């Protein structure tokens, strides 16, 4: 099977408009990989671990993570996966409206692959998805 189809994207995002914009960016760029959506960090963890009625997300996967979410925010999610022996090497791209230096530093301290600020929603998502599309086609994923 084509390696491009083997990578699943886990989008952890609570804003339905952003979810639709990211899916539209995938379509516009002709990226046909599977996209699984979690509404917050706790649900994302359940999907990654195969808990609470969710089927475990197979590897390889790339996580697209919002920071500002209810129940478990993005930084708390990053702390949880970096402490989990099975998830600590997960590749995570942060996609957020936060331009605060403390959030950017906190994310990079938790080994994110990139930090994308959502400015003009559709334009930002298309550019970010194009970059991530090139990224995973070139790198070797765990």
C-alpha atoms as a PDB file:
ATOM      1  CA  UNK A   1       0.000   0.000   0.000  1.00  0.00           C
ATOM      2  CA  UNK A   2       1.129   3.558  -0.646  1.00  0.00           C
ATOM      3  CA  UNK A   3       2.836   4.951   2.485  1.00  0.00           C
ATOM      4  CA  UNK A   4       0.868   8.194   2.111  1.00  0.00           C
ATOM      5  CA  UNK A   5      -2.341   6.336   2.878  1.00  0.00           C
ATOM      6  CA  UNK A   6      -0.851   4.609   5.904  1.00  0.00           C
ATOM      7  CA  UNK A   7      -0.608   7.830   7.936  1.00  0.00           C
ATOM      8  CA  UNK A   8      -3.724   8.784   9.885  1.00  0.00           C
ATOM      9  CA  UNK A   9      -4.245  12.309  11.174  1.00  0.00           C
ATOM     10  CA  UNK A  10      -5.751  12.807  14.630  1.00  0.00           C
ATOM     11  CA  UNK A  11      -7.196  16.301  14.833  1.00  0.00           C
ATOM     12  CA  UNK A  12      -7.821  17.406  18.423  1.00  0.00           C
ATOM     13  CA  UNK A  13      -9.956  20.483  17.954  1.00  0.00           C
ATOM     14  CA  UNK A  14     -13.117  21.759  19.658  1.00  0.00           C
ATOM     15  CA  UNK A  15     -14.089  24.367  17.040  1.00  0.00           C
ATOM     16  CA  UNK A  16     -16.304  22.801  14.361  1.00  0.00           C
ATOM     17  CA  UNK A  17     -15.533  25.583  11.872  1.00  0.00           C
ATOM     18  CA  UNK A  18     -11.795  24.914  12.214  1.00  0.00           C
ATOM     19  CA  UNK A  19     -12.419  21.175  11.755  1.00  0.00           C
ATOM     20  CA  UNK A  20     -14.325  21.895   8.540  1.00  0.00           C
ATOM     21  CA  UNK A  21     -11.612  24.283   7.319  1.00  0.00           C
ATOM     22  CA  UNK A  22      -8.861  21.730   7.935  1.00  0.00           C
ATOM     23  CA  UNK A  23     -10.852  19.006   6.161  1.00  0.00           C
ATOM     24  CA  UNK A  24     -11.424  21.430   3.279  1.00  0.00           C
ATOM     25  CA  UNK A  25      -7.687  22.140   3.120  1.00  0.00           C
ATOM     26  CA  UNK A  26      -7.057  18.371   2.896  1.00  0.00           C
ATOM     27  CA  UNK A  27      -9.545  18.150   0.035  1.00  0.00           C
ATOM     28  CA  UNK A  28      -8.122  21.184  -1.793  1.00  0.00           C
ATOM     29  CA  UNK A  29      -4.609  19.712  -1.559  1.00  0.00           C
ATOM     30  CA  UNK A  30      -5.867  16.257  -2.582  1.00  0.00           C
ATOM     31  CA  UNK A  31      -4.649  14.687   0.668  1.00  0.00           C
ATOM     32  CA  UNK A  32      -6.717  11.522   1.024  1.00  0.00           C
ATOM     33  CA  UNK A  33      -5.407  10.272   4.357  1.00  0.00           C
ATOM     34  CA  UNK A  34      -7.854   9.348   7.102  1.00  0.00           C
ATOM     35  CA  UNK A  35      -8.715  12.089   9.573  1.00  0.00           C
ATOM     36  CA  UNK A  36     -10.043  11.245  13.031  1.00  0.00           C
ATOM     37  CA  UNK A  37     -11.466  14.098  15.122  1.00  0.00           C
ATOM     38  CA  UNK A  38     -11.448  14.449  18.908  1.00  0.00           C
ATOM     39  CA  UNK A  39     -13.205  17.371  20.592  1.00  0.00           C
ATOM     40  CA  UNK A  40     -10.713  17.718  23.457  1.00  0.00           C
ATOM     41  CA  UNK A  41      -7.524  16.253  24.906  1.00  0.00           C
ATOM     42  CA  UNK A  42      -9.269  13.591  26.997  1.00  0.00           C
ATOM     43  CA  UNK A  43     -11.086  12.251  23.956  1.00  0.00           C
ATOM     44  CA  UNK A  44      -7.816  12.370  21.995  1.00  0.00           C
ATOM     45  CA  UNK A  45      -6.107  10.252  24.667  1.00  0.00           C
ATOM     46  CA  UNK A  46      -8.976   7.760  24.600  1.00  0.00           C
ATOM     47  CA  UNK A  47      -8.621   7.412  20.826  1.00  0.00           C
ATOM     48  CA  UNK A  48      -4.848   6.977  21.037  1.00  0.00           C
ATOM     49  CA  UNK A  49      -5.130   4.401  23.818  1.00  0.00           C
ATOM     50  CA  UNK A  50      -8.250   2.610  22.565  1.00  0.00           C
ATOM     51  CA  UNK A  51     -10.256   3.374  25.712  1.00  0.00           C
ATOM     52  CA  UNK A  52     -13.809   4.457  26.554  1.00  0.00           C
ATOM     53  CA  UNK A  53     -15.343   2.707  23.537  1.00  0.00           C
ATOM     54  CA  UNK A  54     -12.874   4.073  20.971  1.00  0.00           C
ATOM     55  CA  UNK A  55     -10.878   1.832  18.684  1.00  0.00           C
ATOM     56  CA  UNK A  56      -7.142   2.383  19.163  1.00  0.00           C
ATOM     57  CA  UNK A  57      -5.639   4.607  16.482  1.00  0.00           C
ATOM     58  CA  UNK A  58      -3.104   2.584  14.476  1.00  0.00           C
ATOM     59  CA  UNK A  59       0.421   3.852  13.869  1.00  0.00           C
ATOM     60  CA  UNK A  60       1.723   5.780  12.076  1.00  0.00           C
ATOM     61  CA  UNK A  61      -0.250   8.892  12.919  1.00  0.00           C
ATOM     62  CA  UNK A  62       0.280  12.633  13.171  1.00  0.00           C
ATOM     63  CA  UNK A  63      -1.588  14.726  15.725  1.00  0.00           C
ATOM     64  CA  UNK A  64      -2.935  18.189  14.887  1.00  0.00           C
ATOM     65  CA  UNK A  65      -3.530  19.811  18.273  1.00  0.00           C
ATOM     66  CA  UNK A  66      -5.396  22.925  19.345  1.00  0.00           C
ATOM     67  CA  UNK A  67      -4.244  24.418  22.661  1.00  0.00           C
ATOM     68  CA  UNK A  68      -7.392  26.143  23.907  1.00  0.00           C
ATOM     69  CA  UNK A  69      -9.960  23.434  24.615  1.00  0.00           C
ATOM     70  CA  UNK A  70     -12.323  22.447  27.425  1.00  0.00           C
ATOM     71  CA  UNK A  71     -11.757  19.536  29.829  1.00  0.00           C
ATOM     72  CA  UNK A  72      -8.089  18.988  28.869  1.00  0.00           C
ATOM     73  CA  UNK A  73      -6.210  21.691  26.982  1.00  0.00           C
ATOM     74  CA  UNK A  74      -3.378  21.118  24.541  1.00  0.00           C
ATOM     75  CA  UNK A  75      -0.523  21.588  27.013  1.00  0.00           C
ATOM     76  CA  UNK A  76      -2.129  19.132  29.444  1.00  0.00           C
ATOM     77  CA  UNK A  77      -2.568  16.696  26.542  1.00  0.00           C
ATOM     78  CA  UNK A  78       1.104  17.059  25.601  1.00  0.00           C
ATOM     79  CA  UNK A  79       2.126  16.390  29.217  1.00  0.00           C
ATOM     80  CA  UNK A  80       0.000  13.227  29.241  1.00  0.00           C
ATOM     81  CA  UNK A  81       1.364  11.752  26.011  1.00  0.00           C
ATOM     82  CA  UNK A  82       4.985  12.635  26.806  1.00  0.00           C
ATOM     83  CA  UNK A  83       4.640  10.697  30.090  1.00  0.00           C
ATOM     84  CA  UNK A  84       3.064   7.676  28.364  1.00  0.00           C
ATOM     85  CA  UNK A  85       5.734   5.168  27.240  1.00  0.00           C
ATOM     86  CA  UNK A  86       3.637   4.115  24.217  1.00  0.00           C
ATOM     87  CA  UNK A  87       2.773   7.649  23.082  1.00  0.00           C
ATOM     88  CA  UNK A  88       5.801   9.733  24.054  1.00  0.00           C
ATOM     89  CA  UNK A  89       7.276   9.698  20.527  1.00  0.00           C
ATOM     90  CA  UNK A  90       4.045  10.887  18.895  1.00  0.00           C
ATOM     91  CA  UNK A  91       4.459  13.602  16.276  1.00  0.00           C
ATOM     92  CA  UNK A  92       2.380  16.645  17.173  1.00  0.00           C
ATOM     93  CA  UNK A  93       1.769  19.876  15.293  1.00  0.00           C
ATOM     94  CA  UNK A  94       0.096  22.603  17.335  1.00  0.00           C
ATOM     95  CA  UNK A  95      -2.510  24.649  15.447  1.00  0.00           C
ATOM     96  CA  UNK A  96      -3.817  27.452  17.648  1.00  0.00           C
ATOM     97  CA  UNK A  97      -4.941  31.055  17.786  1.00  0.00           C
ATOM     98  CA  UNK A  98      -2.522  31.688  20.667  1.00  0.00           C
ATOM     99  CA  UNK A  99       0.358  33.958  19.792  1.00  0.00           C
ATOM    100  CA  UNK A 100       1.612  34.061  23.400  1.00  0.00           C
ATOM    101  CA  UNK A 101       5.306  33.336  23.785  1.00  0.00           C
ATOM    102  CA  UNK A 102       4.588  31.244  26.910  1.00  0.00           C
ATOM    103  CA  UNK A 103       2.336  28.897  24.882  1.00  0.00           C
ATOM    104  CA  UNK A 104       4.859  28.590  22.059  1.00  0.00           C
ATOM    105  CA  UNK A 105       7.706  27.894  24.513  1.00  0.00           C
ATOM    106  CA  UNK A 106       5.565  25.428  26.501  1.00  0.00           C
ATOM    107  CA  UNK A 107       4.672  23.545  23.330  1.00  0.00           C
ATOM    108  CA  UNK A 108       8.265  23.328  22.082  1.00  0.00           C
ATOM    109  CA  UNK A 109       9.448  22.250  25.547  1.00  0.00           C
ATOM    110  CA  UNK A 110       7.112  19.298  25.048  1.00  0.00           C
ATOM    111  CA  UNK A 111       8.745  18.397  21.726  1.00  0.00           C
ATOM    112  CA  UNK A 112       6.159  19.465  19.187  1.00  0.00           C
ATOM    113  CA  UNK A 113       7.155  19.227  15.538  1.00  0.00           C
ATOM    114  CA  UNK A 114       5.720  22.650  14.765  1.00  0.00           C
ATOM    115  CA  UNK A 115       3.600  25.529  16.072  1.00  0.00           C
ATOM    116  CA  UNK A 116       1.146  27.108  13.618  1.00  0.00           C
ATOM    117  CA  UNK A 117      -0.871  30.216  14.521  1.00  0.00           C
ATOM    118  CA  UNK A 118      -4.348  30.253  12.972  1.00  0.00           C
ATOM    119  CA  UNK A 119      -4.709  33.725  11.515  1.00  0.00           C
ATOM    120  CA  UNK A 120      -6.756  33.778   8.308  1.00  0.00           C
ATOM    121  CA  UNK A 121      -8.436  30.410   8.825  1.00  0.00           C
ATOM    122  CA  UNK A 122      -8.638  28.917   5.330  1.00  0.00           C
ATOM    123  CA  UNK A 123      -5.343  30.361   4.084  1.00  0.00           C
ATOM    124  CA  UNK A 124      -3.484  29.271   7.225  1.00  0.00           C
ATOM    125  CA  UNK A 125      -4.948  25.768   7.079  1.00  0.00           C
ATOM    126  CA  UNK A 126      -4.075  25.242   3.417  1.00  0.00           C
ATOM    127  CA  UNK A 127      -0.494  26.424   3.978  1.00  0.00           C
ATOM    128  CA  UNK A 128      -0.133  24.343   7.155  1.00  0.00           C
ATOM    129  CA  UNK A 129      -1.596  21.177   5.608  1.00  0.00           C
ATOM    130  CA  UNK A 130       0.640  21.588   2.562  1.00  0.00           C
ATOM    131  CA  UNK A 131       3.690  21.852   4.853  1.00  0.00           C
ATOM    132  CA  UNK A 132       2.600  18.842   6.937  1.00  0.00           C
ATOM    133  CA  UNK A 133       1.872  16.877   3.759  1.00  0.00           C
ATOM    134  CA  UNK A 134       5.469  17.443   2.599  1.00  0.00           C
ATOM    135  CA  UNK A 135       6.806  16.725   6.088  1.00  0.00           C
ATOM    136  CA  UNK A 136       5.369  13.248   6.497  1.00  0.00           C
ATOM    137  CA  UNK A 137       6.188  12.222   2.934  1.00  0.00           C
ATOM    138  CA  UNK A 138       9.884  12.943   3.570  1.00  0.00           C
ATOM    139  CA  UNK A 139      10.497  11.907   7.203  1.00  0.00           C
ATOM    140  CA  UNK A 140      10.535   8.422   8.676  1.00  0.00           C
ATOM    141  CA  UNK A 141       7.743   8.166  11.239  1.00  0.00           C
ATOM    142  CA  UNK A 142       7.988   6.116  14.437  1.00  0.00           C
END
